[in-house]
C-alpha atoms as a PDB file:
ATOM      1  CA  MET A   1     -91.010 -68.205 -11.577  1.00  0.00           C
ATOM      2  CA  ALA A   2     -88.828 -67.894  -8.364  1.00  0.00           C
ATOM      3  CA  ASN A   3     -85.134 -67.137  -7.944  1.00  0.00           C
ATOM      4  CA  GLN A   4     -82.991 -68.196  -5.071  1.00  0.00           C
ATOM      5  CA  PHE A   5     -81.559 -65.510  -2.666  1.00  0.00           C
ATOM      6  CA  GLU A   6     -80.260 -65.676   0.867  1.00  0.00           C
ATOM      7  CA  THR A   7     -82.275 -62.833   2.511  1.00  0.00           C
ATOM      8  CA  LEU A   8     -85.332 -62.587   0.305  1.00  0.00           C
ATOM      9  CA  VAL A   9     -87.625 -64.396  -2.137  1.00  0.00           C
ATOM     10  CA  TYR A  10     -88.182 -63.121  -5.604  1.00  0.00           C
ATOM     11  CA  ALA A  11     -91.037 -64.532  -7.606  1.00  0.00           C
ATOM     12  CA  THR A  12     -93.143 -63.556 -10.539  1.00  0.00           C
ATOM     13  CA  ASP A  13     -96.822 -64.094 -11.273  1.00  0.00           C
ATOM     14  CA  GLY A  14     -97.487 -62.884 -14.838  1.00  0.00           C
ATOM     15  CA  PRO A  15     -96.753 -59.207 -15.005  1.00  0.00           C
ATOM     16  CA  VAL A  16     -96.284 -58.749 -11.238  1.00  0.00           C
ATOM     17  CA  ALA A  17     -92.932 -59.416  -9.606  1.00  0.00           C
ATOM     18  CA  THR A  18     -92.836 -59.819  -5.795  1.00  0.00           C
ATOM     19  CA  ILE A  19     -89.765 -59.176  -3.626  1.00  0.00           C
ATOM     20  CA  THR A  20     -90.325 -60.573  -0.053  1.00  0.00           C
ATOM     21  CA  LEU A  21     -87.729 -59.859   2.576  1.00  0.00           C
ATOM     22  CA  ASN A  22     -87.228 -63.205   4.235  1.00  0.00           C
ATOM     23  CA  ARG A  23     -85.625 -63.030   7.628  1.00  0.00           C
ATOM     24  CA  PRO A  24     -88.901 -63.419   9.635  1.00  0.00           C
ATOM     25  CA  ASP A  25     -87.274 -64.549  12.881  1.00  0.00           C
ATOM     26  CA  GLU A  26     -85.174 -61.297  12.908  1.00  0.00           C
ATOM     27  CA  LEU A  27     -88.030 -59.083  11.782  1.00  0.00           C
ATOM     28  CA  ASN A  28     -86.297 -58.790   8.423  1.00  0.00           C
ATOM     29  CA  THR A  29     -83.600 -56.601   9.864  1.00  0.00           C
ATOM     30  CA  ILE A  30     -80.969 -55.564   7.293  1.00  0.00           C
ATOM     31  CA  VAL A  31     -77.665 -57.581   7.174  1.00  0.00           C
ATOM     32  CA  PRO A  32     -75.355 -58.440   4.278  1.00  0.00           C
ATOM     33  CA  PRO A  33     -76.208 -59.308   1.649  1.00  0.00           C
ATOM     34  CA  MET A  34     -79.739 -57.910   1.766  1.00  0.00           C
ATOM     35  CA  PRO A  35     -79.042 -54.550   0.190  1.00  0.00           C
ATOM     36  CA  ASP A  36     -77.229 -56.212  -2.687  1.00  0.00           C
ATOM     37  CA  GLU A  37     -79.978 -58.751  -3.118  1.00  0.00           C
ATOM     38  CA  ILE A  38     -82.755 -56.088  -3.156  1.00  0.00           C
ATOM     39  CA  GLU A  39     -80.946 -54.385  -5.963  1.00  0.00           C
ATOM     40  CA  ALA A  40     -80.365 -57.639  -7.755  1.00  0.00           C
ATOM     41  CA  ALA A  41     -84.013 -58.524  -7.541  1.00  0.00           C
ATOM     42  CA  VAL A  42     -85.154 -55.171  -8.780  1.00  0.00           C
ATOM     43  CA  ASN A  43     -82.779 -55.490 -11.662  1.00  0.00           C
ATOM     44  CA  LEU A  44     -84.259 -59.000 -12.444  1.00  0.00           C
ATOM     45  CA  ALA A  45     -87.768 -57.461 -12.639  1.00  0.00           C
ATOM     46  CA  ALA A  46     -86.485 -54.463 -14.760  1.00  0.00           C
ATOM     47  CA  ARG A  47     -84.933 -56.942 -17.328  1.00  0.00           C
ATOM     48  CA  ASP A  48     -88.014 -59.173 -17.466  1.00  0.00           C
ATOM     49  CA  ARG A  49     -90.243 -57.933 -20.219  1.00  0.00           C
ATOM     50  CA  ALA A  50     -93.198 -59.728 -18.942  1.00  0.00           C
ATOM     51  CA  VAL A  51     -93.013 -57.823 -15.598  1.00  0.00           C
ATOM     52  CA  LYS A  52     -94.745 -54.419 -15.374  1.00  0.00           C
ATOM     53  CA  VAL A  53     -95.096 -53.840 -11.627  1.00  0.00           C
ATOM     54  CA  ILE A  54     -92.968 -54.798  -8.492  1.00  0.00           C
ATOM     55  CA  VAL A  55     -94.404 -55.456  -5.074  1.00  0.00           C
ATOM     56  CA  LEU A  56     -92.147 -55.157  -2.074  1.00  0.00           C
ATOM     57  CA  ARG A  57     -93.098 -56.792   1.203  1.00  0.00           C
ATOM     58  CA  GLY A  58     -91.754 -58.635   4.355  1.00  0.00           C
ATOM     59  CA  ALA A  59     -92.414 -62.154   5.555  1.00  0.00           C
ATOM     60  CA  GLY A  60     -93.460 -62.778   9.087  1.00  0.00           C
ATOM     61  CA  ARG A  61     -94.393 -60.164  11.638  1.00  0.00           C
ATOM     62  CA  ALA A  62     -92.758 -57.128  10.171  1.00  0.00           C
ATOM     63  CA  PHE A  63     -91.816 -55.408   6.919  1.00  0.00           C
ATOM     64  CA  CYS A  64     -88.333 -54.457   8.196  1.00  0.00           C
ATOM     65  CA  ALA A  65     -87.104 -53.449  11.629  1.00  0.00           C
ATOM     66  CA  GLY A  66     -84.077 -51.563  10.259  1.00  0.00           C
ATOM     67  CA  PHE A  67     -80.363 -52.363  10.306  1.00  0.00           C
ATOM     68  CA  ASP A  68     -79.295 -55.156  12.675  1.00  0.00           C
ATOM     69  CA  PHE A  69     -76.892 -53.557  15.110  1.00  0.00           C
ATOM     70  CA  GLY A  70     -76.957 -56.304  17.737  1.00  0.00           C
ATOM     71  CA  ASP A  71     -73.169 -56.819  17.409  1.00  0.00           C
ATOM     72  CA  GLY A  72     -72.145 -53.228  16.943  1.00  0.00           C
ATOM     73  CA  PHE A  73     -72.669 -53.161  13.200  1.00  0.00           C
ATOM     74  CA  HIS A  74     -69.670 -55.423  12.746  1.00  0.00           C
ATOM     75  CA  GLN A  75     -71.494 -57.303  10.069  1.00  0.00           C
ATOM     76  CA  TRP A  76     -70.294 -54.425   7.828  1.00  0.00           C
ATOM     77  CA  ASP A  77     -66.558 -54.615   8.833  1.00  0.00           C
ATOM     78  CA  GLU A  78     -65.542 -55.146   5.244  1.00  0.00           C
ATOM     79  CA  VAL A  79     -66.829 -51.833   4.124  1.00  0.00           C
ATOM     80  CA  LEU A  80     -66.831 -49.744   7.272  1.00  0.00           C
ATOM     81  CA  TYR A  81     -64.062 -50.859   9.617  1.00  0.00           C
ATOM     82  CA  THR A  82     -60.291 -51.407   9.664  1.00  0.00           C
ATOM     83  CA  ASP A  83     -58.778 -53.582  12.405  1.00  0.00           C
ATOM     84  CA  GLY A  84     -61.990 -53.719  14.328  1.00  0.00           C
ATOM     85  CA  LYS A  85     -62.413 -49.886  14.375  1.00  0.00           C
ATOM     86  CA  TRP A  86     -64.575 -47.528  12.387  1.00  0.00           C
ATOM     87  CA  ASP A  87     -62.646 -46.184   9.370  1.00  0.00           C
ATOM     88  CA  PRO A  88     -64.095 -42.939   8.200  1.00  0.00           C
ATOM     89  CA  GLY A  89     -62.142 -42.958   5.025  1.00  0.00           C
ATOM     90  CA  LYS A  90     -63.422 -46.430   4.138  1.00  0.00           C
ATOM     91  CA  GLU A  91     -67.002 -45.393   4.988  1.00  0.00           C
ATOM     92  CA  LEU A  92     -66.555 -42.357   2.735  1.00  0.00           C
ATOM     93  CA  ILE A  93     -65.461 -44.563  -0.083  1.00  0.00           C
ATOM     94  CA  THR A  94     -68.343 -46.969   0.483  1.00  0.00           C
ATOM     95  CA  ASN A  95     -71.226 -44.526   1.023  1.00  0.00           C
ATOM     96  CA  SER A  96     -70.202 -42.037  -1.717  1.00  0.00           C
ATOM     97  CA  SER A  97     -70.097 -44.960  -4.231  1.00  0.00           C
ATOM     98  CA  PRO A  98     -73.141 -45.648  -6.556  1.00  0.00           C
ATOM     99  CA  THR A  99     -72.243 -49.276  -6.444  1.00  0.00           C
ATOM    100  CA  LEU A 100     -71.205 -49.821  -2.822  1.00  0.00           C
ATOM    101  CA  GLY A 101     -73.455 -47.578  -0.754  1.00  0.00           C
ATOM    102  CA  PHE A 102     -76.633 -48.637   1.064  1.00  0.00           C
ATOM    103  CA  VAL A 103     -78.757 -45.730  -0.319  1.00  0.00           C
ATOM    104  CA  PRO A 104     -78.098 -46.452  -4.014  1.00  0.00           C
ATOM    105  CA  LYS A 105     -79.159 -49.998  -3.401  1.00  0.00           C
ATOM    106  CA  PHE A 106     -82.354 -48.861  -1.755  1.00  0.00           C
ATOM    107  CA  MET A 107     -82.919 -46.352  -4.536  1.00  0.00           C
ATOM    108  CA  SER A 108     -82.886 -49.120  -7.137  1.00  0.00           C
ATOM    109  CA  LEU A 109     -86.637 -49.164  -6.267  1.00  0.00           C
ATOM    110  CA  TRP A 110     -86.854 -45.445  -7.178  1.00  0.00           C
ATOM    111  CA  HIS A 111     -84.840 -45.806 -10.303  1.00  0.00           C
ATOM    112  CA  SER A 112     -86.457 -48.922 -11.535  1.00  0.00           C
ATOM    113  CA  PRO A 113     -88.461 -48.151 -14.834  1.00  0.00           C
ATOM    114  CA  LYS A 114     -91.261 -50.195 -13.328  1.00  0.00           C
ATOM    115  CA  PRO A 115     -93.473 -48.982 -10.483  1.00  0.00           C
ATOM    116  CA  VAL A 116     -92.878 -50.353  -7.000  1.00  0.00           C
ATOM    117  CA  ILE A 117     -95.597 -50.748  -4.472  1.00  0.00           C
ATOM    118  CA  ALA A 118     -94.547 -51.337  -0.877  1.00  0.00           C
ATOM    119  CA  ALA A 119     -96.802 -53.464   1.340  1.00  0.00           C
ATOM    120  CA  VAL A 120     -95.943 -52.505   4.949  1.00  0.00           C
ATOM    121  CA  HIS A 121     -97.036 -54.331   8.006  1.00  0.00           C
ATOM    122  CA  GLY A 122     -95.629 -54.653  11.585  1.00  0.00           C
ATOM    123  CA  TRP A 123     -92.432 -52.772  12.213  1.00  0.00           C
ATOM    124  CA  CYS A 124     -91.061 -50.488   9.492  1.00  0.00           C
ATOM    125  CA  VAL A 125     -88.431 -48.469  11.269  1.00  0.00           C
ATOM    126  CA  GLY A 126     -84.968 -46.987  10.730  1.00  0.00           C
ATOM    127  CA  GLY A 127     -83.317 -48.318   7.588  1.00  0.00           C
ATOM    128  CA  GLY A 128     -86.465 -50.301   6.919  1.00  0.00           C
ATOM    129  CA  SER A 129     -88.498 -47.025   6.629  1.00  0.00           C
ATOM    130  CA  GLU A 130     -85.813 -45.612   4.424  1.00  0.00           C
ATOM    131  CA  LEU A 131     -86.258 -48.645   2.143  1.00  0.00           C
ATOM    132  CA  ALA A 132     -90.053 -48.694   2.048  1.00  0.00           C
ATOM    133  CA  LEU A 133     -90.252 -45.016   1.294  1.00  0.00           C
ATOM    134  CA  CYS A 134     -88.081 -45.434  -1.803  1.00  0.00           C
ATOM    135  CA  ALA A 135     -91.022 -47.241  -3.360  1.00  0.00           C
ATOM    136  CA  ASP A 136     -93.410 -45.290  -5.529  1.00  0.00           C
ATOM    137  CA  ILE A 137     -96.575 -46.212  -3.689  1.00  0.00           C
ATOM    138  CA  VAL A 138     -96.674 -47.290  -0.024  1.00  0.00           C
ATOM    139  CA  VAL A 139     -99.599 -49.033   1.578  1.00  0.00           C
ATOM    140  CA  MET A 140     -99.542 -49.705   5.352  1.00  0.00           C
ATOM    141  CA  SER A 141    -101.684 -51.705   7.630  1.00  0.00           C
ATOM    142  CA  GLU A 142    -103.354 -49.593  10.089  1.00  0.00           C
ATOM    143  CA  ASP A 143    -101.613 -51.099  13.135  1.00  0.00           C
ATOM    144  CA  ALA A 144     -98.136 -51.050  11.495  1.00  0.00           C
ATOM    145  CA  ARG A 145     -95.501 -48.635  12.942  1.00  0.00           C
ATOM    146  CA  ILE A 146     -93.177 -46.604  10.910  1.00  0.00           C
ATOM    147  CA  GLY A 147     -90.487 -44.246  12.318  1.00  0.00           C
ATOM    148  CA  THR A 148     -86.910 -43.240  12.703  1.00  0.00           C
ATOM    149  CA  PRO A 149     -85.673 -44.096  16.183  1.00  0.00           C
ATOM    150  CA  TYR A 150     -82.252 -43.214  14.950  1.00  0.00           C
ATOM    151  CA  SER A 151     -83.246 -39.652  15.221  1.00  0.00           C
ATOM    152  CA  ARG A 152     -82.625 -40.001  18.915  1.00  0.00           C
ATOM    153  CA  MET A 153     -79.357 -41.939  18.686  1.00  0.00           C
ATOM    154  CA  TRP A 154     -77.038 -43.470  16.151  1.00  0.00           C
ATOM    155  CA  GLY A 155     -78.147 -42.185  12.805  1.00  0.00           C
ATOM    156  CA  CYS A 156     -79.513 -39.641  10.337  1.00  0.00           C
ATOM    157  CA  HIS A 157     -81.891 -39.610   7.534  1.00  0.00           C
ATOM    158  CA  LEU A 158     -80.304 -41.504   4.619  1.00  0.00           C
ATOM    159  CA  ALA A 159     -82.603 -41.689   1.591  1.00  0.00           C
ATOM    160  CA  GLY A 160     -84.221 -38.373   2.292  1.00  0.00           C
ATOM    161  CA  MET A 161     -87.806 -39.587   1.570  1.00  0.00           C
ATOM    162  CA  TRP A 162     -89.011 -38.668   5.031  1.00  0.00           C
ATOM    163  CA  ILE A 163     -88.194 -35.044   4.059  1.00  0.00           C
ATOM    164  CA  TYR A 164     -89.489 -35.003   0.575  1.00  0.00           C
ATOM    165  CA  ARG A 165     -92.759 -36.902   1.288  1.00  0.00           C
ATOM    166  CA  LEU A 166     -93.715 -34.511   4.043  1.00  0.00           C
ATOM    167  CA  GLY A 167     -94.318 -30.785   4.425  1.00  0.00           C
ATOM    168  CA  LEU A 168     -91.881 -28.682   6.450  1.00  0.00           C
ATOM    169  CA  ALA A 169     -93.788 -28.804   9.745  1.00  0.00           C
ATOM    170  CA  HIS A 170     -94.095 -32.554   9.927  1.00  0.00           C
ATOM    171  CA  ALA A 171     -90.715 -33.219   8.364  1.00  0.00           C
ATOM    172  CA  LYS A 172     -88.986 -31.100  10.960  1.00  0.00           C
ATOM    173  CA  GLU A 173     -91.017 -32.477  13.976  1.00  0.00           C
ATOM    174  CA  LEU A 174     -90.437 -36.146  12.976  1.00  0.00           C
ATOM    175  CA  ALA A 175     -86.748 -35.596  12.190  1.00  0.00           C
ATOM    176  CA  LEU A 176     -86.227 -34.141  15.644  1.00  0.00           C
ATOM    177  CA  THR A 177     -88.379 -36.502  17.663  1.00  0.00           C
ATOM    178  CA  GLY A 178     -88.311 -39.731  15.573  1.00  0.00           C
ATOM    179  CA  ARG A 179     -91.597 -40.628  17.003  1.00  0.00           C
ATOM    180  CA  ALA A 180     -93.387 -43.706  15.668  1.00  0.00           C
ATOM    181  CA  LEU A 181     -96.450 -43.356  13.479  1.00  0.00           C
ATOM    182  CA  SER A 182     -99.192 -45.854  13.023  1.00  0.00           C
ATOM    183  CA  GLY A 183    -100.309 -46.606   9.457  1.00  0.00           C
ATOM    184  CA  VAL A 184    -103.369 -44.364  10.081  1.00  0.00           C
ATOM    185  CA  GLU A 185    -101.176 -41.483  11.278  1.00  0.00           C
ATOM    186  CA  ALA A 186     -98.709 -41.915   8.401  1.00  0.00           C
ATOM    187  CA  LYS A 187    -101.535 -41.720   5.833  1.00  0.00           C
ATOM    188  CA  ALA A 188    -102.937 -38.592   7.521  1.00  0.00           C
ATOM    189  CA  LEU A 189     -99.675 -36.852   7.297  1.00  0.00           C
ATOM    190  CA  GLY A 190     -99.173 -37.758   3.647  1.00  0.00           C
ATOM    191  CA  LEU A 191     -96.102 -39.946   4.346  1.00  0.00           C
ATOM    192  CA  VAL A 192     -97.727 -43.019   2.742  1.00  0.00           C
ATOM    193  CA  ASN A 193    -100.579 -43.505   0.266  1.00  0.00           C
ATOM    194  CA  ASP A 194    -102.977 -45.650   2.137  1.00  0.00           C
ATOM    195  CA  ALA A 195    -103.645 -47.451   5.456  1.00  0.00           C
ATOM    196  CA  VAL A 196    -105.985 -50.417   5.504  1.00  0.00           C
ATOM    197  CA  PRO A 197    -106.827 -53.122   8.029  1.00  0.00           C
ATOM    198  CA  PHE A 198    -104.146 -55.884   7.995  1.00  0.00           C
ATOM    199  CA  GLU A 199    -106.633 -58.394   6.618  1.00  0.00           C
ATOM    200  CA  ARG A 200    -107.014 -56.227   3.499  1.00  0.00           C
ATOM    201  CA  LEU A 201    -103.363 -55.268   2.991  1.00  0.00           C
ATOM    202  CA  GLU A 202    -102.454 -57.876   0.431  1.00  0.00           C
ATOM    203  CA  GLU A 203    -105.727 -57.651  -1.335  1.00  0.00           C
ATOM    204  CA  THR A 204    -105.401 -53.795  -1.595  1.00  0.00           C
ATOM    205  CA  VAL A 205    -101.799 -53.973  -2.850  1.00  0.00           C
ATOM    206  CA  PHE A 206    -102.263 -56.657  -5.436  1.00  0.00           C
ATOM    207  CA  ALA A 207    -105.502 -55.107  -6.631  1.00  0.00           C
ATOM    208  CA  LEU A 208    -103.565 -51.918  -7.392  1.00  0.00           C
ATOM    209  CA  ALA A 209    -100.860 -53.876  -9.065  1.00  0.00           C
ATOM    210  CA  ASP A 210    -103.450 -55.620 -11.290  1.00  0.00           C
ATOM    211  CA  ARG A 211    -104.862 -52.252 -12.248  1.00  0.00           C
ATOM    212  CA  LEU A 212    -101.458 -50.732 -13.103  1.00  0.00           C
ATOM    213  CA  VAL A 213    -100.490 -53.706 -15.352  1.00  0.00           C
ATOM    214  CA  THR A 214    -103.354 -52.740 -17.585  1.00  0.00           C
ATOM    215  CA  ILE A 215    -101.470 -49.550 -18.519  1.00  0.00           C
ATOM    216  CA  PRO A 216     -98.789 -49.762 -21.234  1.00  0.00           C
ATOM    217  CA  GLN A 217     -95.267 -50.030 -19.793  1.00  0.00           C
ATOM    218  CA  SER A 218     -94.154 -46.966 -21.579  1.00  0.00           C
ATOM    219  CA  GLN A 219     -96.849 -44.876 -19.930  1.00  0.00           C
ATOM    220  CA  LEU A 220     -95.977 -46.214 -16.490  1.00  0.00           C
ATOM    221  CA  THR A 221     -92.314 -45.496 -17.041  1.00  0.00           C
ATOM    222  CA  ALA A 222     -92.785 -42.104 -18.453  1.00  0.00           C
ATOM    223  CA  MET A 223     -95.151 -40.901 -15.610  1.00  0.00           C
ATOM    224  CA  LYS A 224     -92.749 -42.296 -12.948  1.00  0.00           C
ATOM    225  CA  THR A 225     -89.676 -40.719 -14.620  1.00  0.00           C
ATOM    226  CA  VAL A 226     -91.240 -37.250 -14.795  1.00  0.00           C
ATOM    227  CA  VAL A 227     -92.238 -37.194 -11.115  1.00  0.00           C
ATOM    228  CA  ASN A 228     -88.872 -38.685 -10.110  1.00  0.00           C
ATOM    229  CA  GLN A 229     -86.947 -36.007 -12.072  1.00  0.00           C
ATOM    230  CA  ALA A 230     -88.870 -33.233 -10.428  1.00  0.00           C
ATOM    231  CA  TYR A 231     -87.721 -34.517  -6.967  1.00  0.00           C
ATOM    232  CA  MET A 232     -84.116 -34.963  -8.288  1.00  0.00           C
ATOM    233  CA  ASN A 233     -84.280 -31.371  -9.457  1.00  0.00           C
ATOM    234  CA  MET A 234     -85.203 -30.366  -5.873  1.00  0.00           C
ATOM    235  CA  GLY A 235     -81.870 -31.774  -4.639  1.00  0.00           C
ATOM    236  CA  LEU A 236     -82.792 -35.238  -3.551  1.00  0.00           C
ATOM    237  CA  GLY A 237     -79.351 -36.604  -4.526  1.00  0.00           C
ATOM    238  CA  SER A 238     -77.397 -34.044  -2.522  1.00  0.00           C
ATOM    239  CA  THR A 239     -79.677 -34.467   0.439  1.00  0.00           C
ATOM    240  CA  GLN A 240     -78.971 -38.211   0.346  1.00  0.00           C
ATOM    241  CA  LEU A 241     -75.224 -37.631   0.218  1.00  0.00           C
ATOM    242  CA  LEU A 242     -75.305 -35.309   3.181  1.00  0.00           C
ATOM    243  CA  GLY A 243     -77.604 -37.528   5.121  1.00  0.00           C
ATOM    244  CA  THR A 244     -75.362 -40.544   4.484  1.00  0.00           C
ATOM    245  CA  MET A 245     -72.214 -38.704   5.669  1.00  0.00           C
ATOM    246  CA  LEU A 246     -73.916 -37.373   8.778  1.00  0.00           C
ATOM    247  CA  ASP A 247     -75.297 -40.912   9.445  1.00  0.00           C
ATOM    248  CA  GLY A 248     -71.753 -42.279   9.532  1.00  0.00           C
ATOM    249  CA  MET A 249     -70.512 -39.528  11.742  1.00  0.00           C
ATOM    250  CA  LEU A 250     -73.404 -39.958  14.291  1.00  0.00           C
ATOM    251  CA  ARG A 251     -72.700 -43.662  14.655  1.00  0.00           C
ATOM    252  CA  ASN A 252     -69.235 -42.756  16.075  1.00  0.00           C
ATOM    253  CA  THR A 253     -69.805 -39.958  18.556  1.00  0.00           C
ATOM    254  CA  PRO A 254     -69.120 -40.644  22.221  1.00  0.00           C
ATOM    255  CA  ASP A 255     -72.880 -40.938  22.791  1.00  0.00           C
ATOM    256  CA  ALA A 256     -73.350 -43.434  19.950  1.00  0.00           C
ATOM    257  CA  LEU A 257     -70.378 -45.546  21.103  1.00  0.00           C
ATOM    258  CA  GLU A 258     -71.837 -45.696  24.682  1.00  0.00           C
ATOM    259  CA  PHE A 259     -75.161 -46.762  23.083  1.00  0.00           C
ATOM    260  CA  ILE A 260     -73.400 -49.607  21.357  1.00  0.00           C
ATOM    261  CA  ARG A 261     -71.364 -50.534  24.309  1.00  0.00           C
ATOM    262  CA  LEU A 262     -74.639 -50.898  26.338  1.00  0.00           C
ATOM    263  CA  ALA A 263     -76.218 -52.987  23.458  1.00  0.00           C
ATOM    264  CA  GLU A 264     -73.199 -55.346  23.478  1.00  0.00           C
ATOM    265  CA  GLN A 265     -73.025 -55.763  27.241  1.00  0.00           C
ATOM    266  CA  GLU A 266     -76.679 -55.767  28.215  1.00  0.00           C
ATOM    267  CA  GLY A 267     -78.406 -56.509  24.968  1.00  0.00           C
ATOM    268  CA  ALA A 268     -79.946 -54.397  22.216  1.00  0.00           C
ATOM    269  CA  SER A 269     -83.243 -54.267  24.131  1.00  0.00           C
ATOM    270  CA  ALA A 270     -81.750 -52.506  27.071  1.00  0.00           C
ATOM    271  CA  ALA A 271     -80.157 -49.837  24.909  1.00  0.00           C
ATOM    272  CA  VAL A 272     -83.350 -49.354  22.918  1.00  0.00           C
ATOM    273  CA  ALA A 273     -85.426 -49.261  26.146  1.00  0.00           C
ATOM    274  CA  ARG A 274     -83.244 -46.409  27.517  1.00  0.00           C
ATOM    275  CA  ARG A 275     -83.519 -44.531  24.267  1.00  0.00           C
ATOM    276  CA  ASP A 276     -87.297 -44.764  23.925  1.00  0.00           C
ATOM    277  CA  ALA A 277     -88.275 -44.300  27.618  1.00  0.00           C
ATOM    278  CA  PRO A 278     -88.837 -40.485  27.464  1.00  0.00           C
ATOM    279  CA  PHE A 279     -91.018 -40.842  24.404  1.00  0.00           C
ATOM    280  CA  GLY A 280     -93.037 -43.867  25.408  1.00  0.00           C
ATOM    281  CA  ASP A 281     -92.932 -45.443  21.887  1.00  0.00           C
ATOM    282  CA  TYR A 282     -91.337 -48.329  19.983  1.00  0.00           C
ATOM    283  CA  SER A 283     -90.132 -50.730  22.706  1.00  0.00           C
ATOM    284  CA  GLN A 284     -92.031 -48.711  25.342  1.00  0.00           C
ATOM    285  CA  GLY A 285     -95.383 -48.036  23.615  1.00  0.00           C
ATOM    286  CA  GLU A 286     -98.070 -49.497  21.341  1.00  0.00           C
ATOM    287  CA  ARG A 287     -96.762 -52.082  18.939  1.00  0.00           C
ATOM    288  CA  PRO A 288     -98.074 -53.786  15.808  1.00  0.00           C
ATOM    289  CA  ASN A 289    -100.272 -56.796  16.370  1.00  0.00           C
ATOM    290  CA  PRO A 290     -97.885 -59.782  16.551  1.00  0.00           C
ATOM    291  CA  GLN A 291    -100.600 -61.953  15.152  1.00  0.00           C
ATOM    292  CA  HIS A 292    -100.456 -60.093  11.836  1.00  0.00           C
ATOM    293  CA  VAL A 293     -98.102 -62.301   9.860  1.00  0.00           C
ATOM    294  CA  LEU A 294     -97.459 -62.566   6.071  1.00  0.00           C
ATOM    295  CA  ASP A 295     -96.423 -65.737   4.408  1.00  0.00           C
ATOM    296  CA  VAL A 296     -93.340 -65.780   2.190  1.00  0.00           C
ATOM    297  CA  GLN A 297     -95.493 -66.513  -0.895  1.00  0.00           C
ATOM    298  CA  PRO A 298     -98.045 -63.704  -1.391  1.00  0.00           C
ATOM    299  CA  ARG A 299    -100.679 -65.405  -3.416  1.00  0.00           C
ATOM    300  CA  PRO A 300    -101.801 -68.971  -3.949  1.00  0.00           C
END
């Protein structure tokens, strides 16, 4: 079964539902209505009694290259801007809302009663990494790159999973540097569950899904819930609220506004190149293999 969406493809194959981000020409960057559609697709799977496991993936050369800021984030004018200018009051209303904010929509993966496995290839950066890490299990291709370039400019941790999935030493280092990690490095640091050659990514993810569906749904839900609750007890919700508020503030400092001005006048690639030059990564370093492409439909 498949359902029609604008920015993703939702399909079911027996007890496995697959959500495929489907803006391949734009590296699946996040624009409206993608967050709403992710939440809607997760809710479809949650309501479908035949579905027991959800797989999240991206079509084309990347899982998700973060939020699309090519035009200064003005795709989000309706919820963040007034008369063409950032409105901190409007953003407060939006991002503190469990129904309007970006993070609650990403967290639909976390709150789903059914386990979510993220299959990550290519770029998985910024908001794309926040999205992927809200899944229960994350499997990366070895050459994929995950990171938070917003650590250097124009953002802050939103979903908090970079903090809670890592120990203090690595969480602090990566928060301060935003350096890109390969799938191999991300696995070694404990950020993700596994890293496999790209050719085995789909096989590995769907084999795991096929094993999980042999377990009663009540068991899967109970075990997911008890782990989730432990992290909620550690303050995940308040960390997300603080991160979201700081993220909005850091998009509107003089430095951030200059970053956007450069992106608008000279192109996003010029702004990103200047940001990454001291670190030699992302646009300035090793990249995922561009030949590693996933089809929209995951299995024949």
